[in-house]
Amino acid sequence: MPITLLDIIVLAVMLLSGLLAMIRGFMREILSIAAWGAAALTTLYAYQKLLPTAKTYFNNDTVAAIAVVAGVFILTLIVVSIITVRISDMILDSRIGALDRTLGFLFGLARGLLIMVVAFLFFVWLVPDKQQPEWVRNAKSRVMLQGTGDWLMSLLPDDPENTILKKFKKKGDEEQTDAAPEPRTTATVGNDGGYGKAARDGLKQLIEGKAAGR
């Protein structure tokens, strides 16, 4: 079976990704991913806390939500990226710089394969088998792409969209519950310094009892 256009594309993407990662270094690639993860986690944590403040500046709730998500994510990404670049530069200039570049190349190959697997899954989802060109159906790399894609899909939940939305909703409900004031009982003294209804009734009965005793 001859090499097809898909095989050439897969090989080119993997090599290009590997060379870029080799130039940047393994630690910079890993720390870059960590920076994106830190930005995402910070946005997830700060979203519910900053949204009420943003709504005071934007009349539209959707615009306020977008402003909070974009602002927190971009700001966190910039700050963390500056730190990670300094760390990775120190590693590249050290004695393990060559090892860092070698590991970076291997990491880049894996990243390029992942990019092609995701692209292949989207292509297969959009284009039925009968309508796919021969250079896709007869590609030697098709088996590898399909197998890796099936493995990745098995790691995802059955309904990832609803799962993520439920986590957001659960987090928001928990924060609202924590922020809710404790209910006031009529038998206790109020926050404003006054007595509750039960306390007032007790005082009234005590006064009336003393008056009757006289």
N, C-alpha and C. Protein backbone atom coordinates (compact mmCIF):
# COMPACT_ATOMS: atom_id res chain seq x y z
N MET A 1 0.85 -1.20 0.00
CA MET A 1 0.00 0.00 0.00
C MET A 1 0.89 1.25 0.00
N PRO A 2 0.76 2.11 -0.99
CA PRO A 2 1.62 3.29 -1.07
C PRO A 2 1.26 4.33 -0.01
N ILE A 3 2.20 5.24 0.20
CA ILE A 3 1.97 6.34 1.14
C ILE A 3 1.02 7.34 0.50
N THR A 4 0.03 7.79 1.26
CA THR A 4 -0.96 8.73 0.75
C THR A 4 -0.70 10.12 1.30
N LEU A 5 -1.54 11.05 0.86
CA LEU A 5 -1.40 12.44 1.30
C LEU A 5 -1.60 12.57 2.80
N LEU A 6 -2.52 11.79 3.37
CA LEU A 6 -2.75 11.85 4.82
C LEU A 6 -1.50 11.43 5.58
N ASP A 7 -0.81 10.41 5.11
CA ASP A 7 0.43 9.98 5.77
C ASP A 7 1.48 11.09 5.75
N ILE A 8 1.57 11.78 4.62
CA ILE A 8 2.54 12.88 4.51
C ILE A 8 2.18 14.02 5.46
N ILE A 9 0.88 14.33 5.55
CA ILE A 9 0.43 15.40 6.44
C ILE A 9 0.72 15.05 7.89
N VAL A 10 0.42 13.81 8.29
CA VAL A 10 0.68 13.38 9.66
C VAL A 10 2.17 13.48 9.98
N LEU A 11 3.01 13.00 9.08
CA LEU A 11 4.46 13.05 9.30
C LEU A 11 4.96 14.49 9.37
N ALA A 12 4.45 15.36 8.50
CA ALA A 12 4.89 16.75 8.48
C ALA A 12 4.49 17.48 9.76
N VAL A 13 3.25 17.27 10.20
CA VAL A 13 2.78 17.93 11.42
C VAL A 13 3.58 17.46 12.63
N MET A 14 3.84 16.17 12.72
CA MET A 14 4.59 15.65 13.85
C MET A 14 6.03 16.17 13.86
N LEU A 15 6.68 16.21 12.69
CA LEU A 15 8.05 16.72 12.63
C LEU A 15 8.11 18.20 12.94
N LEU A 16 7.17 18.97 12.41
CA LEU A 16 7.15 20.41 12.69
C LEU A 16 6.93 20.67 14.17
N SER A 17 5.99 19.95 14.76
CA SER A 17 5.75 20.11 16.19
C SER A 17 6.97 19.69 17.00
N GLY A 18 7.64 18.62 16.57
CA GLY A 18 8.83 18.18 17.28
C GLY A 18 9.97 19.18 17.21
N LEU A 19 10.19 19.77 16.04
CA LEU A 19 11.26 20.76 15.89
C LEU A 19 10.98 22.01 16.72
N LEU A 20 9.73 22.47 16.70
CA LEU A 20 9.38 23.65 17.50
C LEU A 20 9.58 23.38 18.99
N ALA A 21 9.17 22.19 19.43
CA ALA A 21 9.34 21.85 20.83
C ALA A 21 10.82 21.68 21.19
N MET A 22 11.63 21.21 20.27
CA MET A 22 13.06 21.07 20.52
C MET A 22 13.71 22.44 20.69
N ILE A 23 13.28 23.39 19.88
CA ILE A 23 13.83 24.75 19.99
C ILE A 23 13.42 25.38 21.32
N ARG A 24 12.18 25.19 21.71
CA ARG A 24 11.67 25.79 22.94
C ARG A 24 12.14 25.05 24.18
N GLY A 25 12.34 23.76 24.07
CA GLY A 25 12.74 22.97 25.22
C GLY A 25 11.56 22.27 25.88
N PHE A 26 11.85 21.13 26.49
CA PHE A 26 10.79 20.32 27.10
C PHE A 26 10.12 21.05 28.25
N MET A 27 10.91 21.66 29.12
CA MET A 27 10.34 22.32 30.30
C MET A 27 9.45 23.49 29.90
N ARG A 28 9.85 24.23 28.87
CA ARG A 28 8.99 25.34 28.45
C ARG A 28 7.66 24.83 27.92
N GLU A 29 7.68 23.72 27.21
CA GLU A 29 6.43 23.16 26.70
C GLU A 29 5.54 22.70 27.85
N ILE A 30 6.12 22.01 28.81
CA ILE A 30 5.34 21.54 29.95
C ILE A 30 4.82 22.70 30.78
N LEU A 31 5.68 23.68 31.02
CA LEU A 31 5.26 24.83 31.82
C LEU A 31 4.23 25.67 31.08
N SER A 32 4.28 25.67 29.76
CA SER A 32 3.25 26.38 28.99
C SER A 32 1.88 25.74 29.21
N ILE A 33 1.86 24.41 29.19
CA ILE A 33 0.61 23.71 29.47
C ILE A 33 0.15 23.99 30.89
N ALA A 34 1.11 24.01 31.83
CA ALA A 34 0.77 24.31 33.22
C ALA A 34 0.21 25.72 33.36
N ALA A 35 0.74 26.66 32.57
CA ALA A 35 0.24 28.03 32.62
C ALA A 35 -1.22 28.10 32.16
N TRP A 36 -1.54 27.39 31.09
CA TRP A 36 -2.92 27.35 30.63
C TRP A 36 -3.83 26.70 31.67
N GLY A 37 -3.34 25.63 32.29
CA GLY A 37 -4.13 24.98 33.33
C GLY A 37 -4.34 25.88 34.53
N ALA A 38 -3.29 26.60 34.94
CA ALA A 38 -3.42 27.52 36.07
C ALA A 38 -4.40 28.65 35.75
N ALA A 39 -4.36 29.14 34.52
CA ALA A 39 -5.30 30.19 34.11
C ALA A 39 -6.74 29.67 34.14
N ALA A 40 -6.93 28.44 33.68
CA ALA A 40 -8.28 27.87 33.67
C ALA A 40 -8.80 27.66 35.09
N LEU A 41 -7.95 27.14 35.99
CA LEU A 41 -8.38 26.91 37.37
C LEU A 41 -8.65 28.22 38.10
N THR A 42 -7.81 29.22 37.85
CA THR A 42 -8.04 30.52 38.47
C THR A 42 -9.35 31.13 38.00
N THR A 43 -9.63 31.01 36.72
CA THR A 43 -10.89 31.52 36.18
C THR A 43 -12.07 30.79 36.78
N LEU A 44 -11.97 29.49 36.91
CA LEU A 44 -13.05 28.70 37.50
C LEU A 44 -13.29 29.08 38.95
N TYR A 45 -12.24 29.36 39.69
CA TYR A 45 -12.37 29.72 41.10
C TYR A 45 -12.89 31.14 41.28
N ALA A 46 -12.42 32.07 40.46
CA ALA A 46 -12.76 33.48 40.65
C ALA A 46 -14.04 33.90 39.95
N TYR A 47 -14.59 33.05 39.10
CA TYR A 47 -15.76 33.43 38.29
C TYR A 47 -16.94 33.87 39.16
N GLN A 48 -17.37 33.01 40.07
CA GLN A 48 -18.53 33.32 40.91
C GLN A 48 -18.26 34.49 41.85
N LYS A 49 -17.03 34.68 42.25
CA LYS A 49 -16.70 35.75 43.18
C LYS A 49 -16.66 37.12 42.51
N LEU A 50 -16.21 37.17 41.25
CA LEU A 50 -16.07 38.45 40.56
C LEU A 50 -17.28 38.82 39.71
N LEU A 51 -18.14 37.85 39.43
CA LEU A 51 -19.29 38.12 38.57
C LEU A 51 -20.22 39.19 39.14
N PRO A 52 -20.57 39.17 40.44
CA PRO A 52 -21.43 40.26 40.96
C PRO A 52 -20.82 41.64 40.79
N THR A 53 -19.51 41.75 40.97
CA THR A 53 -18.84 43.05 40.78
C THR A 53 -18.89 43.48 39.32
N ALA A 54 -18.69 42.54 38.41
CA ALA A 54 -18.73 42.87 36.98
C ALA A 54 -20.12 43.31 36.55
N LYS A 55 -21.16 42.76 37.17
CA LYS A 55 -22.53 43.13 36.79
C LYS A 55 -22.85 44.57 37.15
N THR A 56 -22.11 45.15 38.09
CA THR A 56 -22.33 46.56 38.43
C THR A 56 -21.79 47.49 37.34
N TYR A 57 -20.91 46.99 36.50
CA TYR A 57 -20.33 47.79 35.43
C TYR A 57 -20.94 47.48 34.06
N PHE A 58 -21.56 46.32 33.92
CA PHE A 58 -22.17 45.93 32.64
C PHE A 58 -23.64 45.62 32.86
N ASN A 59 -24.48 46.21 32.04
CA ASN A 59 -25.92 45.97 32.15
C ASN A 59 -26.30 44.57 31.68
N ASN A 60 -25.58 44.05 30.72
CA ASN A 60 -25.87 42.73 30.17
C ASN A 60 -25.11 41.66 30.96
N ASP A 61 -25.84 40.65 31.46
CA ASP A 61 -25.20 39.60 32.25
C ASP A 61 -24.22 38.78 31.43
N THR A 62 -24.55 38.55 30.16
CA THR A 62 -23.66 37.78 29.30
C THR A 62 -22.34 38.51 29.08
N VAL A 63 -22.42 39.80 28.85
CA VAL A 63 -21.20 40.60 28.66
C VAL A 63 -20.37 40.61 29.93
N ALA A 64 -21.03 40.70 31.08
CA ALA A 64 -20.31 40.67 32.35
C ALA A 64 -19.59 39.34 32.56
N ALA A 65 -20.26 38.25 32.22
CA ALA A 65 -19.65 36.93 32.36
C ALA A 65 -18.45 36.78 31.44
N ILE A 66 -18.59 37.23 30.19
CA ILE A 66 -17.48 37.15 29.23
C ILE A 66 -16.30 38.00 29.70
N ALA A 67 -16.60 39.18 30.23
CA ALA A 67 -15.53 40.07 30.71
C ALA A 67 -14.76 39.43 31.86
N VAL A 68 -15.48 38.79 32.77
CA VAL A 68 -14.81 38.14 33.91
C VAL A 68 -13.93 36.98 33.44
N VAL A 69 -14.50 36.11 32.61
CA VAL A 69 -13.76 34.94 32.14
C VAL A 69 -12.53 35.36 31.34
N ALA A 70 -12.73 36.26 30.37
CA ALA A 70 -11.62 36.68 29.52
C ALA A 70 -10.56 37.43 30.31
N GLY A 71 -11.01 38.34 31.18
CA GLY A 71 -10.06 39.15 31.94
C GLY A 71 -9.20 38.32 32.87
N VAL A 72 -9.84 37.46 33.66
CA VAL A 72 -9.09 36.64 34.62
C VAL A 72 -8.18 35.65 33.90
N PHE A 73 -8.70 35.02 32.86
CA PHE A 73 -7.91 34.01 32.14
C PHE A 73 -6.68 34.63 31.49
N ILE A 74 -6.87 35.72 30.76
CA ILE A 74 -5.75 36.34 30.04
C ILE A 74 -4.72 36.90 31.01
N LEU A 75 -5.19 37.58 32.06
CA LEU A 75 -4.26 38.16 33.03
C LEU A 75 -3.44 37.08 33.73
N THR A 76 -4.10 36.02 34.15
CA THR A 76 -3.38 34.92 34.81
C THR A 76 -2.40 34.25 33.86
N LEU A 77 -2.82 34.06 32.61
CA LEU A 77 -1.95 33.42 31.63
C LEU A 77 -0.70 34.25 31.37
N ILE A 78 -0.84 35.55 31.28
CA ILE A 78 0.31 36.42 31.04
C ILE A 78 1.29 36.36 32.20
N VAL A 79 0.77 36.48 33.42
CA VAL A 79 1.64 36.49 34.60
C VAL A 79 2.38 35.16 34.75
N VAL A 80 1.65 34.05 34.65
CA VAL A 80 2.27 32.74 34.81
C VAL A 80 3.25 32.45 33.66
N SER A 81 2.92 32.89 32.45
CA SER A 81 3.80 32.65 31.30
C SER A 81 5.13 33.38 31.47
N ILE A 82 5.11 34.58 32.00
CA ILE A 82 6.35 35.32 32.24
C ILE A 82 7.26 34.55 33.19
N ILE A 83 6.65 34.00 34.23
CA ILE A 83 7.43 33.23 35.21
C ILE A 83 7.99 31.95 34.59
N THR A 84 7.15 31.24 33.83
CA THR A 84 7.59 29.97 33.24
C THR A 84 8.68 30.17 32.19
N VAL A 85 8.63 31.26 31.45
CA VAL A 85 9.66 31.53 30.45
C VAL A 85 11.02 31.73 31.12
N ARG A 86 11.03 32.45 32.22
CA ARG A 86 12.29 32.67 32.94
C ARG A 86 12.87 31.35 33.46
N ILE A 87 11.99 30.51 33.97
CA ILE A 87 12.45 29.21 34.49
C ILE A 87 13.00 28.34 33.37
N SER A 88 12.28 28.27 32.25
CA SER A 88 12.73 27.43 31.14
C SER A 88 14.02 27.94 30.52
N ASP A 89 14.21 29.25 30.47
CA ASP A 89 15.46 29.80 29.94
C ASP A 89 16.65 29.41 30.81
N MET A 90 16.43 29.41 32.12
CA MET A 90 17.50 29.00 33.03
C MET A 90 17.88 27.53 32.81
N ILE A 91 16.90 26.69 32.53
CA ILE A 91 17.17 25.27 32.30
C ILE A 91 17.91 25.06 30.98
N LEU A 92 17.49 25.79 29.92
CA LEU A 92 18.15 25.64 28.63
C LEU A 92 19.61 26.06 28.68
N ASP A 93 19.92 27.05 29.51
CA ASP A 93 21.29 27.53 29.62
C ASP A 93 22.14 26.69 30.57
N SER A 94 21.53 25.72 31.23
CA SER A 94 22.27 24.89 32.18
C SER A 94 22.89 23.68 31.48
N ARG A 95 23.46 22.78 32.25
CA ARG A 95 24.12 21.60 31.70
C ARG A 95 23.13 20.60 31.09
N ILE A 96 21.90 20.64 31.55
CA ILE A 96 20.91 19.68 31.04
C ILE A 96 20.14 20.26 29.85
N GLY A 97 20.67 21.31 29.25
CA GLY A 97 19.98 21.93 28.11
C GLY A 97 19.79 20.97 26.95
N ALA A 98 20.82 20.16 26.65
CA ALA A 98 20.72 19.21 25.53
C ALA A 98 19.65 18.16 25.80
N LEU A 99 19.61 17.66 27.04
CA LEU A 99 18.58 16.68 27.40
C LEU A 99 17.19 17.31 27.32
N ASP A 100 17.10 18.55 27.74
CA ASP A 100 15.82 19.24 27.69
C ASP A 100 15.32 19.39 26.26
N ARG A 101 16.23 19.66 25.34
CA ARG A 101 15.83 19.79 23.93
C ARG A 101 15.45 18.43 23.33
N THR A 102 16.16 17.39 23.72
CA THR A 102 15.83 16.05 23.22
C THR A 102 14.44 15.62 23.69
N LEU A 103 14.18 15.81 24.97
CA LEU A 103 12.86 15.49 25.50
C LEU A 103 11.79 16.37 24.87
N GLY A 104 12.17 17.60 24.57
CA GLY A 104 11.22 18.50 23.90
C GLY A 104 10.83 18.00 22.53
N PHE A 105 11.81 17.45 21.80
CA PHE A 105 11.50 16.90 20.47
C PHE A 105 10.54 15.73 20.56
N LEU A 106 10.77 14.83 21.51
CA LEU A 106 9.86 13.69 21.70
C LEU A 106 8.47 14.16 22.11
N PHE A 107 8.43 15.15 22.97
CA PHE A 107 7.15 15.70 23.38
C PHE A 107 6.42 16.32 22.19
N GLY A 108 7.18 17.01 21.35
CA GLY A 108 6.58 17.63 20.17
C GLY A 108 6.00 16.61 19.21
N LEU A 109 6.68 15.47 19.06
CA LEU A 109 6.13 14.40 18.21
C LEU A 109 4.79 13.91 18.75
N ALA A 110 4.73 13.70 20.06
CA ALA A 110 3.47 13.25 20.67
C ALA A 110 2.38 14.30 20.53
N ARG A 111 2.75 15.56 20.68
CA ARG A 111 1.76 16.63 20.53
C ARG A 111 1.25 16.70 19.10
N GLY A 112 2.16 16.56 18.14
CA GLY A 112 1.72 16.58 16.74
C GLY A 112 0.78 15.43 16.43
N LEU A 113 1.07 14.26 16.99
CA LEU A 113 0.17 13.12 16.80
C LEU A 113 -1.20 13.40 17.41
N LEU A 114 -1.21 14.00 18.59
CA LEU A 114 -2.48 14.32 19.23
C LEU A 114 -3.29 15.31 18.40
N ILE A 115 -2.62 16.29 17.83
CA ILE A 115 -3.31 17.27 16.97
C ILE A 115 -3.95 16.57 15.78
N MET A 116 -3.21 15.68 15.16
CA MET A 116 -3.74 14.97 14.00
C MET A 116 -4.87 14.01 14.38
N VAL A 117 -4.79 13.40 15.55
CA VAL A 117 -5.86 12.50 16.00
C VAL A 117 -7.16 13.28 16.19
N VAL A 118 -7.06 14.43 16.85
CA VAL A 118 -8.26 15.25 17.06
C VAL A 118 -8.83 15.72 15.73
N ALA A 119 -7.95 16.17 14.83
CA ALA A 119 -8.42 16.61 13.51
C ALA A 119 -9.07 15.45 12.74
N PHE A 120 -8.49 14.27 12.86
CA PHE A 120 -9.04 13.09 12.17
C PHE A 120 -10.41 12.73 12.73
N LEU A 121 -10.58 12.81 14.04
CA LEU A 121 -11.88 12.50 14.65
C LEU A 121 -12.96 13.46 14.17
N PHE A 122 -12.62 14.74 14.08
CA PHE A 122 -13.58 15.71 13.57
C PHE A 122 -13.92 15.44 12.11
N PHE A 123 -12.90 15.09 11.34
CA PHE A 123 -13.12 14.81 9.91
C PHE A 123 -14.04 13.60 9.74
N VAL A 124 -13.77 12.54 10.48
CA VAL A 124 -14.60 11.33 10.38
C VAL A 124 -16.02 11.60 10.84
N TRP A 125 -16.17 12.47 11.83
CA TRP A 125 -17.50 12.81 12.35
C TRP A 125 -18.30 13.62 11.33
N LEU A 126 -17.61 14.49 10.59
CA LEU A 126 -18.30 15.36 9.64
C LEU A 126 -18.52 14.69 8.28
N VAL A 127 -17.58 13.84 7.87
CA VAL A 127 -17.63 13.24 6.53
C VAL A 127 -17.89 11.74 6.66
N PRO A 128 -18.97 11.22 6.09
CA PRO A 128 -19.23 9.77 6.13
C PRO A 128 -18.14 8.99 5.41
N ASP A 129 -18.04 7.71 5.71
CA ASP A 129 -16.99 6.86 5.14
C ASP A 129 -17.04 6.82 3.61
N LYS A 130 -18.23 6.74 3.06
CA LYS A 130 -18.36 6.63 1.61
C LYS A 130 -17.95 7.90 0.88
N GLN A 131 -18.02 9.04 1.58
CA GLN A 131 -17.67 10.32 0.95
C GLN A 131 -16.22 10.72 1.21
N GLN A 132 -15.49 9.96 1.98
CA GLN A 132 -14.10 10.29 2.27
C GLN A 132 -13.23 9.97 1.06
N PRO A 133 -12.24 10.82 0.78
CA PRO A 133 -11.35 10.56 -0.37
C PRO A 133 -10.49 9.32 -0.14
N GLU A 134 -9.97 8.79 -1.21
CA GLU A 134 -9.17 7.57 -1.13
C GLU A 134 -7.89 7.76 -0.33
N TRP A 135 -7.30 8.97 -0.39
CA TRP A 135 -6.06 9.19 0.33
C TRP A 135 -6.28 9.21 1.85
N VAL A 136 -7.53 9.27 2.27
CA VAL A 136 -7.85 9.13 3.70
C VAL A 136 -8.18 7.69 4.04
N ARG A 137 -9.00 7.06 3.21
CA ARG A 137 -9.42 5.68 3.48
C ARG A 137 -8.27 4.69 3.35
N ASN A 138 -7.33 4.96 2.44
CA ASN A 138 -6.24 4.02 2.18
C ASN A 138 -4.93 4.40 2.87
N ALA A 139 -4.97 5.37 3.76
CA ALA A 139 -3.74 5.83 4.41
C ALA A 139 -3.24 4.80 5.41
N LYS A 140 -1.94 4.63 5.46
CA LYS A 140 -1.34 3.71 6.43
C LYS A 140 -1.52 4.22 7.86
N SER A 141 -1.56 5.53 8.03
CA SER A 141 -1.68 6.11 9.36
C SER A 141 -3.11 6.11 9.88
N ARG A 142 -4.07 5.70 9.06
CA ARG A 142 -5.47 5.73 9.47
C ARG A 142 -5.71 4.82 10.67
N VAL A 143 -5.11 3.64 10.65
CA VAL A 143 -5.31 2.70 11.76
C VAL A 143 -4.79 3.29 13.07
N MET A 144 -3.62 3.93 13.02
CA MET A 144 -3.05 4.54 14.22
C MET A 144 -3.92 5.69 14.70
N LEU A 145 -4.37 6.55 13.78
CA LEU A 145 -5.21 7.68 14.16
C LEU A 145 -6.53 7.22 14.74
N GLN A 146 -7.14 6.23 14.11
CA GLN A 146 -8.43 5.74 14.58
C GLN A 146 -8.30 5.05 15.94
N GLY A 147 -7.26 4.24 16.10
CA GLY A 147 -7.06 3.55 17.37
C GLY A 147 -6.78 4.51 18.52
N THR A 148 -5.92 5.50 18.27
CA THR A 148 -5.63 6.50 19.31
C THR A 148 -6.86 7.33 19.62
N GLY A 149 -7.62 7.67 18.59
CA GLY A 149 -8.85 8.44 18.80
C GLY A 149 -9.87 7.67 19.62
N ASP A 150 -10.02 6.38 19.35
CA ASP A 150 -10.96 5.56 20.12
C ASP A 150 -10.53 5.48 21.59
N TRP A 151 -9.22 5.40 21.82
CA TRP A 151 -8.72 5.36 23.20
C TRP A 151 -9.00 6.67 23.92
N LEU A 152 -8.79 7.79 23.24
CA LEU A 152 -9.08 9.09 23.86
C LEU A 152 -10.57 9.24 24.15
N MET A 153 -11.41 8.81 23.24
CA MET A 153 -12.85 8.91 23.44
C MET A 153 -13.32 8.06 24.62
N SER A 154 -12.64 6.94 24.85
CA SER A 154 -13.02 6.08 25.97
C SER A 154 -12.71 6.72 27.32
N LEU A 155 -11.80 7.71 27.33
CA LEU A 155 -11.45 8.39 28.57
C LEU A 155 -12.44 9.48 28.93
N LEU A 156 -13.23 9.93 27.97
CA LEU A 156 -14.20 11.00 28.21
C LEU A 156 -15.47 10.43 28.82
N PRO A 157 -16.20 11.25 29.63
CA PRO A 157 -17.50 10.80 30.14
C PRO A 157 -18.50 10.67 29.01
N ASP A 158 -19.61 9.99 29.31
CA ASP A 158 -20.62 9.75 28.28
C ASP A 158 -21.20 11.06 27.74
N ASP A 159 -21.40 12.03 28.63
CA ASP A 159 -21.95 13.33 28.22
C ASP A 159 -21.07 14.43 28.79
N PRO A 160 -19.93 14.73 28.15
CA PRO A 160 -18.98 15.68 28.73
C PRO A 160 -19.55 17.08 28.92
N GLU A 161 -20.43 17.52 28.00
CA GLU A 161 -20.96 18.88 28.11
C GLU A 161 -21.79 19.04 29.38
N ASN A 162 -22.72 18.12 29.61
CA ASN A 162 -23.56 18.20 30.80
C ASN A 162 -22.75 17.99 32.07
N THR A 163 -21.72 17.16 32.00
CA THR A 163 -20.88 16.92 33.17
C THR A 163 -20.17 18.20 33.59
N ILE A 164 -19.63 18.94 32.63
CA ILE A 164 -18.95 20.20 32.94
C ILE A 164 -19.93 21.23 33.47
N LEU A 165 -21.12 21.32 32.83
CA LEU A 165 -22.12 22.29 33.28
C LEU A 165 -22.60 21.97 34.69
N LYS A 166 -22.75 20.70 35.02
CA LYS A 166 -23.18 20.32 36.37
C LYS A 166 -22.14 20.71 37.41
N LYS A 167 -20.85 20.58 37.05
CA LYS A 167 -19.80 20.96 37.99
C LYS A 167 -19.82 22.47 38.24
N PHE A 168 -20.03 23.26 37.18
CA PHE A 168 -20.14 24.71 37.36
C PHE A 168 -21.33 25.05 38.25
N LYS A 169 -22.48 24.41 37.99
CA LYS A 169 -23.70 24.70 38.73
C LYS A 169 -23.55 24.29 40.19
N LYS A 170 -22.92 23.13 40.43
CA LYS A 170 -22.72 22.66 41.78
C LYS A 170 -21.83 23.60 42.56
N LYS A 171 -20.76 24.08 41.92
CA LYS A 171 -19.85 25.00 42.58
C LYS A 171 -20.55 26.31 42.92
N GLY A 172 -21.39 26.81 41.99
CA GLY A 172 -22.12 28.05 42.25
C GLY A 172 -23.13 27.89 43.36
N ASP A 173 -23.82 26.76 43.42
CA ASP A 173 -24.80 26.51 44.48
C ASP A 173 -24.13 26.42 45.84
N GLU A 174 -22.96 25.78 45.89
CA GLU A 174 -22.25 25.66 47.15
C GLU A 174 -21.81 27.03 47.66
N GLU A 175 -21.33 27.89 46.77
CA GLU A 175 -20.89 29.22 47.19
C GLU A 175 -22.08 30.07 47.64
N GLN A 176 -23.22 29.93 46.97
CA GLN A 176 -24.40 30.67 47.38
C GLN A 176 -24.89 30.19 48.74
N THR A 177 -24.80 28.88 48.99
CA THR A 177 -25.22 28.34 50.28
C THR A 177 -24.31 28.83 51.40
N ASP A 178 -23.00 28.88 51.13
CA ASP A 178 -22.07 29.37 52.14
C ASP A 178 -22.28 30.84 52.43
N ALA A 179 -22.67 31.61 51.40
CA ALA A 179 -22.85 33.05 51.58
C ALA A 179 -24.21 33.41 52.15
N ALA A 180 -25.16 32.48 52.19
CA ALA A 180 -26.50 32.77 52.69
C ALA A 180 -26.45 33.01 54.19
N PRO A 181 -27.17 34.06 54.71
CA PRO A 181 -27.18 34.34 56.14
C PRO A 181 -27.95 33.28 56.91
N GLU A 182 -27.57 33.08 58.17
CA GLU A 182 -28.27 32.12 58.99
C GLU A 182 -29.65 32.65 59.35
N PRO A 183 -30.67 31.79 59.35
CA PRO A 183 -32.03 32.24 59.66
C PRO A 183 -32.14 32.68 61.10
N ARG A 184 -32.90 33.74 61.31
CA ARG A 184 -33.11 34.27 62.65
C ARG A 184 -34.32 33.61 63.27
N THR A 185 -34.20 33.22 64.50
CA THR A 185 -35.32 32.65 65.23
C THR A 185 -35.98 33.71 66.06
N THR A 186 -37.28 33.54 66.30
CA THR A 186 -38.04 34.54 67.06
C THR A 186 -37.69 34.52 68.53
N ALA A 187 -37.02 33.45 68.97
CA ALA A 187 -36.70 33.36 70.40
C ALA A 187 -35.38 34.00 70.74
N THR A 188 -34.64 34.46 69.76
CA THR A 188 -33.33 35.05 70.01
C THR A 188 -33.37 36.54 69.76
N VAL A 189 -32.35 37.20 70.22
CA VAL A 189 -32.26 38.64 70.03
C VAL A 189 -31.85 38.93 68.61
N GLY A 190 -32.47 39.90 67.92
CA GLY A 190 -32.19 40.23 66.54
C GLY A 190 -30.88 40.96 66.41
N ASN A 191 -30.43 41.07 65.15
CA ASN A 191 -29.18 41.78 64.87
C ASN A 191 -29.29 43.26 65.17
N ASP A 192 -30.52 43.78 65.14
CA ASP A 192 -30.69 45.21 65.35
C ASP A 192 -30.79 45.55 66.83
N GLY A 193 -30.58 44.58 67.73
CA GLY A 193 -30.60 44.88 69.15
C GLY A 193 -31.95 44.67 69.78
N GLY A 194 -33.03 44.41 69.04
CA GLY A 194 -34.36 44.21 69.60
C GLY A 194 -34.56 42.77 70.02
N TYR A 195 -35.62 42.57 70.81
CA TYR A 195 -35.94 41.23 71.27
C TYR A 195 -36.84 40.53 70.29
N GLY A 196 -36.77 39.19 70.24
CA GLY A 196 -37.67 38.41 69.41
C GLY A 196 -39.05 38.35 70.01
N LYS A 197 -40.01 37.82 69.27
CA LYS A 197 -41.41 37.77 69.70
C LYS A 197 -41.56 36.93 70.96
N ALA A 198 -40.90 35.78 71.00
CA ALA A 198 -41.01 34.91 72.17
C ALA A 198 -40.47 35.58 73.42
N ALA A 199 -39.36 36.32 73.27
CA ALA A 199 -38.79 37.01 74.42
C ALA A 199 -39.71 38.11 74.92
N ARG A 200 -40.32 38.86 73.95
CA ARG A 200 -41.25 39.93 74.36
C ARG A 200 -42.47 39.36 75.08
N ASP A 201 -42.99 38.23 74.59
CA ASP A 201 -44.15 37.60 75.24
C ASP A 201 -43.81 37.15 76.65
N GLY A 202 -42.61 36.62 76.83
CA GLY A 202 -42.21 36.18 78.17
C GLY A 202 -42.12 37.34 79.13
N LEU A 203 -41.54 38.48 78.69
CA LEU A 203 -41.46 39.66 79.54
C LEU A 203 -42.84 40.19 79.89
N LYS A 204 -43.73 40.16 78.90
CA LYS A 204 -45.09 40.66 79.13
C LYS A 204 -45.80 39.82 80.19
N GLN A 205 -45.67 38.48 80.10
CA GLN A 205 -46.31 37.61 81.09
C GLN A 205 -45.71 37.81 82.47
N LEU A 206 -44.39 38.04 82.54
CA LEU A 206 -43.74 38.28 83.82
C LEU A 206 -44.26 39.55 84.48
N ILE A 207 -44.40 40.61 83.67
CA ILE A 207 -44.89 41.89 84.21
C ILE A 207 -46.34 41.75 84.67
N GLU A 208 -47.17 41.08 83.86
CA GLU A 208 -48.57 40.91 84.23
C GLU A 208 -48.72 40.06 85.49
N GLY A 209 -47.82 39.05 85.64
CA GLY A 209 -47.88 38.20 86.83
C GLY A 209 -47.54 38.99 88.08
N LYS A 210 -46.54 39.88 87.99
CA LYS A 210 -46.18 40.71 89.15
C LYS A 210 -47.30 41.67 89.49
N ALA A 211 -47.95 42.23 88.43
CA ALA A 211 -49.05 43.18 88.68
C ALA A 211 -50.22 42.47 89.35
N ALA A 212 -50.52 41.25 88.96
CA ALA A 212 -51.64 40.51 89.55
C ALA A 212 -51.34 40.14 91.00
N GLY A 213 -50.07 39.88 91.29
CA GLY A 213 -49.68 39.52 92.66
C GLY A 213 -49.84 40.66 93.62
N ARG A 214 -49.75 41.88 93.12
CA ARG A 214 -49.92 43.03 93.99
C ARG A 214 -51.39 43.23 94.32
